Each structure stands twice: as structure tokens, then as C-alpha cells.
């Protein structure tokens, strides 16, 4: 059983907004043990990926569920877009979320 749906309320946003630096984090539910994984869509633009981190709900437990944190730096505050897609073990996109659903 994998993650097969996500809604905007399942995605957390942490925003650091100053004139010198604008960065944000998209946090999505993640369970690496299922074979499902999140990727940054090629439709994304105007950002640089800073890091991707996974935090387990139960550290040390094989296949633990958790949260994937995708950290971005915005290059152009007026024109940026990020789409994350959830990929099944077969390679199909089964869910997606984007920066427009939670940040402005």
C-alpha cells in the first residue's frame, strides 16, 4: 500500500521571506518502503533546489513513514512555480501538489 492521494491541507509550507532571501519548504507525506516517491516536476521553474530531506516518524524502523522536505530558493519572486509529483513503483504519476495550492 502506497500513498495514493494528497490534498493541499496535507502540504506544509515554511516561508522565510526577506528582501535579500526568499526560500520555502514543501513538506509532503512520504513512505520510502512502499516504492512510491516524490519528484520535482520539470514544469517547475524560477527556483533552485537547496535540499531534500526525509524525516522518519519512527527512526530506525525499516520502511517507516515520515515526511519529505523539499527546500527551495526563489530566483525570481515574480515568476516561480514548483510542482511535486508522487511516482508509483510502476512509474505512473499518482498524485501531485504545487506551490500555487498553498503559497502566495
PDB file of N, CA and C in Angstrom:
ATOM      1  N   UNK A   1       0.843  -1.187   0.000  1.00  0.00           N
ATOM      2  CA  UNK A   1       0.000   0.000   0.000  1.00  0.00           C
ATOM      3  C   UNK A   1       0.874   1.230   0.000  1.00  0.00           C
ATOM      4  N   UNK A   2       0.646   2.104  -0.945  1.00  0.00           N
ATOM      5  CA  UNK A   2       1.422   3.332  -1.032  1.00  0.00           C
ATOM      6  C   UNK A   2       0.559   4.540  -0.789  1.00  0.00           C
ATOM      7  N   UNK A   3       1.190   5.661  -0.783  1.00  0.00           N
ATOM      8  CA  UNK A   3       0.454   6.915  -0.687  1.00  0.00           C
ATOM      9  C   UNK A   3      -0.186   7.142  -2.048  1.00  0.00           C
ATOM     10  N   UNK A   4      -1.490   7.323  -2.085  1.00  0.00           N
ATOM     11  CA  UNK A   4      -2.104   7.497  -3.397  1.00  0.00           C
ATOM     12  C   UNK A   4      -2.924   8.765  -3.522  1.00  0.00           C
ATOM     13  N   UNK A   5      -2.948   9.593  -2.495  1.00  0.00           N
ATOM     14  CA  UNK A   5      -3.633  10.864  -2.647  1.00  0.00           C
ATOM     15  C   UNK A   5      -3.037  11.886  -1.695  1.00  0.00           C
ATOM     16  N   UNK A   6      -3.150  13.136  -2.068  1.00  0.00           N
ATOM     17  CA  UNK A   6      -2.688  14.224  -1.221  1.00  0.00           C
ATOM     18  C   UNK A   6      -3.543  15.433  -1.535  1.00  0.00           C
ATOM     19  N   UNK A   7      -3.816  16.196  -0.527  1.00  0.00           N
ATOM     20  CA  UNK A   7      -4.563  17.429  -0.735  1.00  0.00           C
ATOM     21  C   UNK A   7      -3.727  18.589  -0.233  1.00  0.00           C
ATOM     22  N   UNK A   8      -4.152  19.793  -0.554  1.00  0.00           N
ATOM     23  CA  UNK A   8      -3.384  20.973  -0.155  1.00  0.00           C
ATOM     24  C   UNK A   8      -3.200  21.036   1.351  1.00  0.00           C
ATOM     25  N   UNK A   9      -4.171  20.565   2.133  1.00  0.00           N
ATOM     26  CA  UNK A   9      -4.015  20.630   3.577  1.00  0.00           C
ATOM     27  C   UNK A   9      -2.990  19.626   4.093  1.00  0.00           C
ATOM     28  N   UNK A  10      -2.578  18.654   3.296  1.00  0.00           N
ATOM     29  CA  UNK A  10      -1.546  17.710   3.686  1.00  0.00           C
ATOM     30  C   UNK A  10      -0.146  18.264   3.469  1.00  0.00           C
ATOM     31  N   UNK A  11      -0.035  19.419   2.823  1.00  0.00           N
ATOM     32  CA  UNK A  11       1.259  20.002   2.491  1.00  0.00           C
ATOM     33  C   UNK A  11       1.511  21.181   3.418  1.00  0.00           C
ATOM     34  N   UNK A  12       2.677  21.177   4.047  1.00  0.00           N
ATOM     35  CA  UNK A  12       3.049  22.268   4.943  1.00  0.00           C
ATOM     36  C   UNK A  12       3.973  23.221   4.220  1.00  0.00           C
ATOM     37  N   UNK A  13       3.882  24.496   4.568  1.00  0.00           N
ATOM     38  CA  UNK A  13       4.765  25.499   3.990  1.00  0.00           C
ATOM     39  C   UNK A  13       5.489  26.234   5.100  1.00  0.00           C
ATOM     40  N   UNK A  14       6.791  26.302   4.987  1.00  0.00           N
ATOM     41  CA  UNK A  14       7.603  27.127   5.873  1.00  0.00           C
ATOM     42  C   UNK A  14       8.238  28.183   4.993  1.00  0.00           C
ATOM     43  N   UNK A  15       8.001  29.437   5.322  1.00  0.00           N
ATOM     44  CA  UNK A  15       8.435  30.506   4.438  1.00  0.00           C
ATOM     45  C   UNK A  15       9.386  31.443   5.154  1.00  0.00           C
ATOM     46  N   UNK A  16      10.527  31.712   4.530  1.00  0.00           N
ATOM     47  CA  UNK A  16      11.474  32.714   5.008  1.00  0.00           C
ATOM     48  C   UNK A  16      11.498  33.792   3.949  1.00  0.00           C
ATOM     49  N   UNK A  17      10.879  34.930   4.236  1.00  0.00           N
ATOM     50  CA  UNK A  17      10.692  35.969   3.226  1.00  0.00           C
ATOM     51  C   UNK A  17      11.340  37.270   3.682  1.00  0.00           C
ATOM     52  N   UNK A  18      12.474  37.596   3.095  1.00  0.00           N
ATOM     53  CA  UNK A  18      13.108  38.886   3.311  1.00  0.00           C
ATOM     54  C   UNK A  18      13.495  39.413   1.941  1.00  0.00           C
ATOM     55  N   UNK A  19      13.857  40.681   1.859  1.00  0.00           N
ATOM     56  CA  UNK A  19      14.253  41.225   0.557  1.00  0.00           C
ATOM     57  C   UNK A  19      15.488  40.538   0.015  1.00  0.00           C
ATOM     58  N   UNK A  20      16.392  40.118   0.890  1.00  0.00           N
ATOM     59  CA  UNK A  20      17.646  39.515   0.449  1.00  0.00           C
ATOM     60  C   UNK A  20      17.493  38.031   0.133  1.00  0.00           C
ATOM     61  N   UNK A  21      16.523  37.374   0.750  1.00  0.00           N
ATOM     62  CA  UNK A  21      16.414  35.928   0.601  1.00  0.00           C
ATOM     63  C   UNK A  21      14.955  35.512   0.633  1.00  0.00           C
ATOM     64  N   UNK A  22      14.550  34.731  -0.332  1.00  0.00           N
ATOM     65  CA  UNK A  22      13.208  34.174  -0.328  1.00  0.00           C
ATOM     66  C   UNK A  22      13.347  32.690  -0.584  1.00  0.00           C
ATOM     67  N   UNK A  23      13.036  31.909   0.428  1.00  0.00           N
ATOM     68  CA  UNK A  23      13.117  30.463   0.297  1.00  0.00           C
ATOM     69  C   UNK A  23      11.891  29.855   0.956  1.00  0.00           C
ATOM     70  N   UNK A  24      11.586  28.624   0.581  1.00  0.00           N
ATOM     71  CA  UNK A  24      10.443  27.942   1.177  1.00  0.00           C
ATOM     72  C   UNK A  24      10.654  26.445   1.129  1.00  0.00           C
ATOM     73  N   UNK A  25       9.868  25.764   1.946  1.00  0.00           N
ATOM     74  CA  UNK A  25       9.916  24.313   2.052  1.00  0.00           C
ATOM     75  C   UNK A  25       8.533  23.759   1.775  1.00  0.00           C
ATOM     76  N   UNK A  26       8.484  22.755   0.929  1.00  0.00           N
ATOM     77  CA  UNK A  26       7.250  21.997   0.733  1.00  0.00           C
ATOM     78  C   UNK A  26       7.447  20.661   1.435  1.00  0.00           C
ATOM     79  N   UNK A  27       6.531  20.337   2.340  1.00  0.00           N
ATOM     80  CA  UNK A  27       6.615  19.094   3.108  1.00  0.00           C
ATOM     81  C   UNK A  27       5.469  18.184   2.698  1.00  0.00           C
ATOM     82  N   UNK A  28       5.809  16.946   2.329  1.00  0.00           N
ATOM     83  CA  UNK A  28       4.797  16.005   1.863  1.00  0.00           C
ATOM     84  C   UNK A  28       4.943  14.685   2.613  1.00  0.00           C
ATOM     85  N   UNK A  29       3.822  13.966   2.827  1.00  0.00           N
ATOM     86  CA  UNK A  29       3.908  12.652   3.462  1.00  0.00           C
ATOM     87  C   UNK A  29       4.710  11.709   2.573  1.00  0.00           C
ATOM     88  N   UNK A  30       5.516  10.850   3.200  1.00  0.00           N
ATOM     89  CA  UNK A  30       6.450  10.032   2.427  1.00  0.00           C
ATOM     90  C   UNK A  30       6.631   8.686   3.112  1.00  0.00           C
ATOM     91  N   UNK A  31       6.673   7.625   2.319  1.00  0.00           N
ATOM     92  CA  UNK A  31       6.962   6.302   2.854  1.00  0.00           C
ATOM     93  C   UNK A  31       7.840   5.573   1.857  1.00  0.00           C
ATOM     94  N   UNK A  32       9.126   5.688   2.055  1.00  0.00           N
ATOM     95  CA  UNK A  32      10.108   5.146   1.112  1.00  0.00           C
ATOM     96  C   UNK A  32       9.991   3.634   0.949  1.00  0.00           C
ATOM     97  N   UNK A  33       9.526   2.937   1.961  1.00  0.00           N
ATOM     98  CA  UNK A  33       9.440   1.483   1.904  1.00  0.00           C
ATOM     99  C   UNK A  33       8.401   0.952   0.934  1.00  0.00           C
ATOM    100  N   UNK A  34       7.519   1.797   0.440  1.00  0.00           N
ATOM    101  CA  UNK A  34       6.455   1.341  -0.465  1.00  0.00           C
ATOM    102  C   UNK A  34       6.867   1.368  -1.926  1.00  0.00           C
ATOM    103  N   UNK A  35       7.952   2.061  -2.243  1.00  0.00           N
ATOM    104  CA  UNK A  35       8.355   2.227  -3.634  1.00  0.00           C
ATOM    105  C   UNK A  35       7.799   3.485  -4.262  1.00  0.00           C
ATOM    106  N   UNK A  36       6.867   4.139  -3.595  1.00  0.00           N
ATOM    107  CA  UNK A  36       6.352   5.431  -4.052  1.00  0.00           C
ATOM    108  C   UNK A  36       7.353   6.504  -3.648  1.00  0.00           C
ATOM    109  N   UNK A  37       7.545   7.496  -4.511  1.00  0.00           N
ATOM    110  CA  UNK A  37       8.483   8.566  -4.171  1.00  0.00           C
ATOM    111  C   UNK A  37       8.071   9.869  -4.846  1.00  0.00           C
ATOM    112  N   UNK A  38       8.450  10.971  -4.211  1.00  0.00           N
ATOM    113  CA  UNK A  38       8.156  12.302  -4.744  1.00  0.00           C
ATOM    114  C   UNK A  38       9.307  12.790  -5.593  1.00  0.00           C
ATOM    115  N   UNK A  39       8.982  13.473  -6.686  1.00  0.00           N
ATOM    116  CA  UNK A  39       9.982  14.091  -7.556  1.00  0.00           C
ATOM    117  C   UNK A  39       9.551  15.522  -7.870  1.00  0.00           C
ATOM    118  N   UNK A  40      10.518  16.337  -8.229  1.00  0.00           N
ATOM    119  CA  UNK A  40      10.247  17.692  -8.675  1.00  0.00           C
ATOM    120  C   UNK A  40       9.951  17.624 -10.166  1.00  0.00           C
ATOM    121  N   UNK A  41       8.789  18.110 -10.561  1.00  0.00           N
ATOM    122  CA  UNK A  41       8.373  18.064 -11.956  1.00  0.00           C
ATOM    123  C   UNK A  41       9.228  19.001 -12.807  1.00  0.00           C
ATOM    124  N   UNK A  42       9.477  18.623 -14.069  1.00  0.00           N
ATOM    125  CA  UNK A  42      10.177  19.517 -14.990  1.00  0.00           C
ATOM    126  C   UNK A  42       9.384  20.803 -15.276  1.00  0.00           C
ATOM    127  N   UNK A  43       8.096  20.842 -14.925  1.00  0.00           N
ATOM    128  CA  UNK A  43       7.295  22.051 -15.091  1.00  0.00           C
ATOM    129  C   UNK A  43       7.709  23.153 -14.115  1.00  0.00           C
ATOM    130  N   UNK A  44       8.456  22.790 -13.086  1.00  0.00           N
ATOM    131  CA  UNK A  44       8.898  23.764 -12.083  1.00  0.00           C
ATOM    132  C   UNK A  44       9.882  24.739 -12.714  1.00  0.00           C
ATOM    133  N   UNK A  45       9.831  25.999 -12.267  1.00  0.00           N
ATOM    134  CA  UNK A  45      10.758  26.999 -12.792  1.00  0.00           C
ATOM    135  C   UNK A  45      10.896  28.158 -11.791  1.00  0.00           C
ATOM    136  N   UNK A  46      11.960  28.905 -11.928  1.00  0.00           N
ATOM    137  CA  UNK A  46      12.181  30.093 -11.109  1.00  0.00           C
ATOM    138  C   UNK A  46      12.698  29.808  -9.719  1.00  0.00           C
ATOM    139  N   UNK A  47      13.118  28.564  -9.458  1.00  0.00           N
ATOM    140  CA  UNK A  47      13.649  28.190  -8.148  1.00  0.00           C
ATOM    141  C   UNK A  47      14.907  27.346  -8.313  1.00  0.00           C
ATOM    142  N   UNK A  48      15.696  27.318  -7.264  1.00  0.00           N
ATOM    143  CA  UNK A  48      16.822  26.392  -7.158  1.00  0.00           C
ATOM    144  C   UNK A  48      16.519  25.445  -6.014  1.00  0.00           C
ATOM    145  N   UNK A  49      16.762  24.162  -6.223  1.00  0.00           N
ATOM    146  CA  UNK A  49      16.610  23.183  -5.152  1.00  0.00           C
ATOM    147  C   UNK A  49      17.772  23.345  -4.187  1.00  0.00           C
ATOM    148  N   UNK A  50      17.465  23.548  -2.922  1.00  0.00           N
ATOM    149  CA  UNK A  50      18.504  23.648  -1.899  1.00  0.00           C
ATOM    150  C   UNK A  50      18.817  22.267  -1.345  1.00  0.00           C
ATOM    151  N   UNK A  51      17.759  21.540  -0.939  1.00  0.00           N
ATOM    152  CA  UNK A  51      17.961  20.205  -0.381  1.00  0.00           C
ATOM    153  C   UNK A  51      16.638  19.459  -0.343  1.00  0.00           C
ATOM    154  N   UNK A  52      16.755  18.151  -0.225  1.00  0.00           N
ATOM    155  CA  UNK A  52      15.609  17.287   0.006  1.00  0.00           C
ATOM    156  C   UNK A  52      15.974  16.413   1.200  1.00  0.00           C
ATOM    157  N   UNK A  53      15.112  16.425   2.203  1.00  0.00           N
ATOM    158  CA  UNK A  53      15.372  15.654   3.422  1.00  0.00           C
ATOM    159  C   UNK A  53      14.159  14.790   3.752  1.00  0.00           C
ATOM    160  N   UNK A  54      14.425  13.643   4.354  1.00  0.00           N
ATOM    161  CA  UNK A  54      13.369  12.746   4.800  1.00  0.00           C
ATOM    162  C   UNK A  54      13.496  12.584   6.307  1.00  0.00           C
ATOM    163  N   UNK A  55      12.399  12.807   7.018  1.00  0.00           N
ATOM    164  CA  UNK A  55      12.385  12.629   8.468  1.00  0.00           C
ATOM    165  C   UNK A  55      11.395  11.517   8.777  1.00  0.00           C
ATOM    166  N   UNK A  56      11.903  10.453   9.385  1.00  0.00           N
ATOM    167  CA  UNK A  56      11.079   9.288   9.705  1.00  0.00           C
ATOM    168  C   UNK A  56      10.171   9.565  10.901  1.00  0.00           C
ATOM    169  N   UNK A  57       8.972   9.012  10.858  1.00  0.00           N
ATOM    170  CA  UNK A  57       8.085   9.069  12.022  1.00  0.00           C
ATOM    171  C   UNK A  57       8.629   8.200  13.155  1.00  0.00           C
ATOM    172  N   UNK A  58       9.235   7.083  12.794  1.00  0.00           N
ATOM    173  CA  UNK A  58       9.778   6.139  13.770  1.00  0.00           C
ATOM    174  C   UNK A  58      11.222   5.825  13.390  1.00  0.00           C
ATOM    175  N   UNK A  59      12.169   6.676  13.785  1.00  0.00           N
ATOM    176  CA  UNK A  59      13.574   6.498  13.390  1.00  0.00           C
ATOM    177  C   UNK A  59      14.090   5.097  13.730  1.00  0.00           C
ATOM    178  N   UNK A  60      14.818   4.553  12.790  1.00  0.00           N
ATOM    179  CA  UNK A  60      15.414   3.238  12.972  1.00  0.00           C
ATOM    180  C   UNK A  60      14.508   2.085  12.586  1.00  0.00           C
ATOM    181  N   UNK A  61      13.255   2.363  12.268  1.00  0.00           N
ATOM    182  CA  UNK A  61      12.325   1.317  11.859  1.00  0.00           C
ATOM    183  C   UNK A  61      12.332   1.221  10.345  1.00  0.00           C
ATOM    184  N   UNK A  62      12.683   0.053   9.833  1.00  0.00           N
ATOM    185  CA  UNK A  62      12.752  -0.156   8.394  1.00  0.00           C
ATOM    186  C   UNK A  62      11.404   0.123   7.746  1.00  0.00           C
ATOM    187  N   UNK A  63      11.394   0.957   6.708  1.00  0.00           N
ATOM    188  CA  UNK A  63      10.171   1.270   5.981  1.00  0.00           C
ATOM    189  C   UNK A  63       9.250   2.245   6.687  1.00  0.00           C
ATOM    190  N   UNK A  64       9.769   2.958   7.670  1.00  0.00           N
ATOM    191  CA  UNK A  64       8.953   3.901   8.426  1.00  0.00           C
ATOM    192  C   UNK A  64       8.369   4.989   7.535  1.00  0.00           C
ATOM    193  N   UNK A  65       7.152   5.372   7.822  1.00  0.00           N
ATOM    194  CA  UNK A  65       6.566   6.530   7.161  1.00  0.00           C
ATOM    195  C   UNK A  65       7.233   7.784   7.701  1.00  0.00           C
ATOM    196  N   UNK A  66       6.964   8.891   7.066  1.00  0.00           N
ATOM    197  CA  UNK A  66       7.573  10.129   7.531  1.00  0.00           C
ATOM    198  C   UNK A  66       7.166  11.289   6.649  1.00  0.00           C
ATOM    199  N   UNK A  67       8.043  12.265   6.586  1.00  0.00           N
ATOM    200  CA  UNK A  67       7.786  13.470   5.816  1.00  0.00           C
ATOM    201  C   UNK A  67       8.992  13.782   4.946  1.00  0.00           C
ATOM    202  N   UNK A  68       8.735  14.108   3.686  1.00  0.00           N
ATOM    203  CA  UNK A  68       9.778  14.567   2.776  1.00  0.00           C
ATOM    204  C   UNK A  68       9.753  16.082   2.731  1.00  0.00           C
ATOM    205  N   UNK A  69      10.902  16.712   2.937  1.00  0.00           N
ATOM    206  CA  UNK A  69      11.021  18.168   2.932  1.00  0.00           C
ATOM    207  C   UNK A  69      11.824  18.600   1.709  1.00  0.00           C
ATOM    208  N   UNK A  70      11.171  19.330   0.810  1.00  0.00           N
ATOM    209  CA  UNK A  70      11.799  19.854  -0.393  1.00  0.00           C
ATOM    210  C   UNK A  70      12.047  21.344  -0.161  1.00  0.00           C
ATOM    211  N   UNK A  71      13.311  21.736  -0.087  1.00  0.00           N
ATOM    212  CA  UNK A  71      13.692  23.114   0.224  1.00  0.00           C
ATOM    213  C   UNK A  71      14.149  23.827  -1.047  1.00  0.00           C
ATOM    214  N   UNK A  72      13.571  25.010  -1.281  1.00  0.00           N
ATOM    215  CA  UNK A  72      13.844  25.767  -2.496  1.00  0.00           C
ATOM    216  C   UNK A  72      14.244  27.200  -2.175  1.00  0.00           C
ATOM    217  N   UNK A  73      15.050  27.761  -3.053  1.00  0.00           N
ATOM    218  CA  UNK A  73      15.372  29.191  -3.047  1.00  0.00           C
ATOM    219  C   UNK A  73      14.759  29.774  -4.309  1.00  0.00           C
ATOM    220  N   UNK A  74      14.007  30.862  -4.146  1.00  0.00           N
ATOM    221  CA  UNK A  74      13.348  31.501  -5.281  1.00  0.00           C
ATOM    222  C   UNK A  74      14.341  32.417  -5.989  1.00  0.00           C
ATOM    223  N   UNK A  75      14.466  32.242  -7.294  1.00  0.00           N
ATOM    224  CA  UNK A  75      15.354  33.062  -8.118  1.00  0.00           C
ATOM    225  C   UNK A  75      14.638  34.331  -8.561  1.00  0.00           C
ATOM    226  N   UNK A  76      13.373  34.184  -8.946  1.00  0.00           N
ATOM    227  CA  UNK A  76      12.592  35.314  -9.451  1.00  0.00           C
ATOM    228  C   UNK A  76      11.268  35.364  -8.695  1.00  0.00           C
ATOM    229  N   UNK A  77      11.135  36.315  -7.761  1.00  0.00           N
ATOM    230  CA  UNK A  77       9.934  36.396  -6.928  1.00  0.00           C
ATOM    231  C   UNK A  77       8.661  36.590  -7.736  1.00  0.00           C
ATOM    232  N   UNK A  78       8.761  37.150  -8.931  1.00  0.00           N
ATOM    233  CA  UNK A  78       7.573  37.416  -9.735  1.00  0.00           C
ATOM    234  C   UNK A  78       7.155  36.236 -10.611  1.00  0.00           C
ATOM    235  N   UNK A  79       8.054  35.294 -10.830  1.00  0.00           N
ATOM    236  CA  UNK A  79       7.744  34.200 -11.743  1.00  0.00           C
ATOM    237  C   UNK A  79       8.401  32.910 -11.280  1.00  0.00           C
ATOM    238  N   UNK A  80       7.742  32.207 -10.366  1.00  0.00           N
ATOM    239  CA  UNK A  80       8.239  30.899  -9.952  1.00  0.00           C
ATOM    240  C   UNK A  80       7.065  29.944  -9.789  1.00  0.00           C
ATOM    241  N   UNK A  81       7.363  28.670  -9.920  1.00  0.00           N
ATOM    242  CA  UNK A  81       6.346  27.634  -9.796  1.00  0.00           C
ATOM    243  C   UNK A  81       7.041  26.328  -9.476  1.00  0.00           C
ATOM    244  N   UNK A  82       6.509  25.598  -8.516  1.00  0.00           N
ATOM    245  CA  UNK A  82       7.052  24.284  -8.174  1.00  0.00           C
ATOM    246  C   UNK A  82       5.915  23.275  -8.166  1.00  0.00           C
ATOM    247  N   UNK A  83       6.130  22.173  -8.852  1.00  0.00           N
ATOM    248  CA  UNK A  83       5.189  21.057  -8.814  1.00  0.00           C
ATOM    249  C   UNK A  83       5.939  19.826  -8.332  1.00  0.00           C
ATOM    250  N   UNK A  84       5.378  19.161  -7.327  1.00  0.00           N
ATOM    251  CA  UNK A  84       5.895  17.877  -6.862  1.00  0.00           C
ATOM    252  C   UNK A  84       4.933  16.805  -7.319  1.00  0.00           C
ATOM    253  N   UNK A  85       5.464  15.708  -7.822  1.00  0.00           N
ATOM    254  CA  UNK A  85       4.629  14.598  -8.278  1.00  0.00           C
ATOM    255  C   UNK A  85       5.008  13.337  -7.517  1.00  0.00           C
ATOM    256  N   UNK A  86       3.988  12.568  -7.168  1.00  0.00           N
ATOM    257  CA  UNK A  86       4.190  11.293  -6.489  1.00  0.00           C
ATOM    258  C   UNK A  86       4.194  10.198  -7.543  1.00  0.00           C
ATOM    259  N   UNK A  87       5.300   9.459  -7.602  1.00  0.00           N
ATOM    260  CA  UNK A  87       5.505   8.429  -8.625  1.00  0.00           C
ATOM    261  C   UNK A  87       5.317   7.045  -8.001  1.00  0.00           C
ATOM    262  N   UNK A  88       4.522   6.209  -8.666  1.00  0.00           N
ATOM    263  CA  UNK A  88       4.303   4.838  -8.195  1.00  0.00           C
ATOM    264  C   UNK A  88       5.507   3.972  -8.564  1.00  0.00           C
ATOM    265  N   UNK A  89       5.589   2.767  -7.990  1.00  0.00           N
ATOM    266  CA  UNK A  89       6.679   1.859  -8.369  1.00  0.00           C
ATOM    267  C   UNK A  89       6.699   1.530  -9.867  1.00  0.00           C
ATOM    268  N   UNK A  90       5.545   1.638 -10.536  1.00  0.00           N
ATOM    269  CA  UNK A  90       5.462   1.381 -11.981  1.00  0.00           C
ATOM    270  C   UNK A  90       5.862   2.593 -12.813  1.00  0.00           C
ATOM    271  N   UNK A  91       6.077   3.755 -12.142  1.00  0.00           N
ATOM    272  CA  UNK A  91       6.477   4.955 -12.865  1.00  0.00           C
ATOM    273  C   UNK A  91       5.343   5.885 -13.229  1.00  0.00           C
ATOM    274  N   UNK A  92       4.125   5.592 -12.741  1.00  0.00           N
ATOM    275  CA  UNK A  92       2.974   6.440 -13.029  1.00  0.00           C
ATOM    276  C   UNK A  92       2.880   7.575 -12.012  1.00  0.00           C
ATOM    277  N   UNK A  93       2.417   8.738 -12.455  1.00  0.00           N
ATOM    278  CA  UNK A  93       2.132   9.834 -11.534  1.00  0.00           C
ATOM    279  C   UNK A  93       0.777   9.548 -10.904  1.00  0.00           C
ATOM    280  N   UNK A  94       0.756   9.427  -9.572  1.00  0.00           N
ATOM    281  CA  UNK A  94      -0.488   9.085  -8.882  1.00  0.00           C
ATOM    282  C   UNK A  94      -1.051  10.249  -8.075  1.00  0.00           C
ATOM    283  N   UNK A  95      -0.246  11.270  -7.857  1.00  0.00           N
ATOM    284  CA  UNK A  95      -0.711  12.451  -7.146  1.00  0.00           C
ATOM    285  C   UNK A  95       0.261  13.584  -7.426  1.00  0.00           C
ATOM    286  N   UNK A  96      -0.189  14.799  -7.159  1.00  0.00           N
ATOM    287  CA  UNK A  96       0.685  15.948  -7.336  1.00  0.00           C
ATOM    288  C   UNK A  96       0.211  17.080  -6.434  1.00  0.00           C
ATOM    289  N   UNK A  97       1.108  17.992  -6.165  1.00  0.00           N
ATOM    290  CA  UNK A  97       0.798  19.214  -5.457  1.00  0.00           C
ATOM    291  C   UNK A  97       1.721  20.284  -6.005  1.00  0.00           C
ATOM    292  N   UNK A  98       1.303  21.540  -5.882  1.00  0.00           N
ATOM    293  CA  UNK A  98       2.153  22.594  -6.421  1.00  0.00           C
ATOM    294  C   UNK A  98       2.163  23.816  -5.519  1.00  0.00           C
ATOM    295  N   UNK A  99       3.089  24.712  -5.813  1.00  0.00           N
ATOM    296  CA  UNK A  99       3.266  25.906  -4.990  1.00  0.00           C
ATOM    297  C   UNK A  99       2.048  26.807  -5.042  1.00  0.00           C
ATOM    298  N   UNK A 100       1.252  26.758  -6.088  1.00  0.00           N
ATOM    299  CA  UNK A 100       0.064  27.598  -6.189  1.00  0.00           C
ATOM    300  C   UNK A 100      -1.031  27.179  -5.227  1.00  0.00           C
ATOM    301  N   UNK A 101      -0.993  25.931  -4.753  1.00  0.00           N
ATOM    302  CA  UNK A 101      -2.057  25.436  -3.881  1.00  0.00           C
ATOM    303  C   UNK A 101      -1.913  25.914  -2.439  1.00  0.00           C
ATOM    304  N   UNK A 102      -0.761  26.481  -2.067  1.00  0.00           N
ATOM    305  CA  UNK A 102      -0.581  26.852  -0.676  1.00  0.00           C
ATOM    306  C   UNK A 102       0.222  28.106  -0.407  1.00  0.00           C
ATOM    307  N   UNK A 103       0.802  28.717  -1.415  1.00  0.00           N
ATOM    308  CA  UNK A 103       1.664  29.874  -1.146  1.00  0.00           C
ATOM    309  C   UNK A 103       1.358  31.006  -2.107  1.00  0.00           C
ATOM    310  N   UNK A 104       1.296  32.186  -1.616  1.00  0.00           N
ATOM    311  CA  UNK A 104       1.211  33.413  -2.425  1.00  0.00           C
ATOM    312  C   UNK A 104       1.325  34.589  -1.521  1.00  0.00           C
TER     313      UNK A 104
END
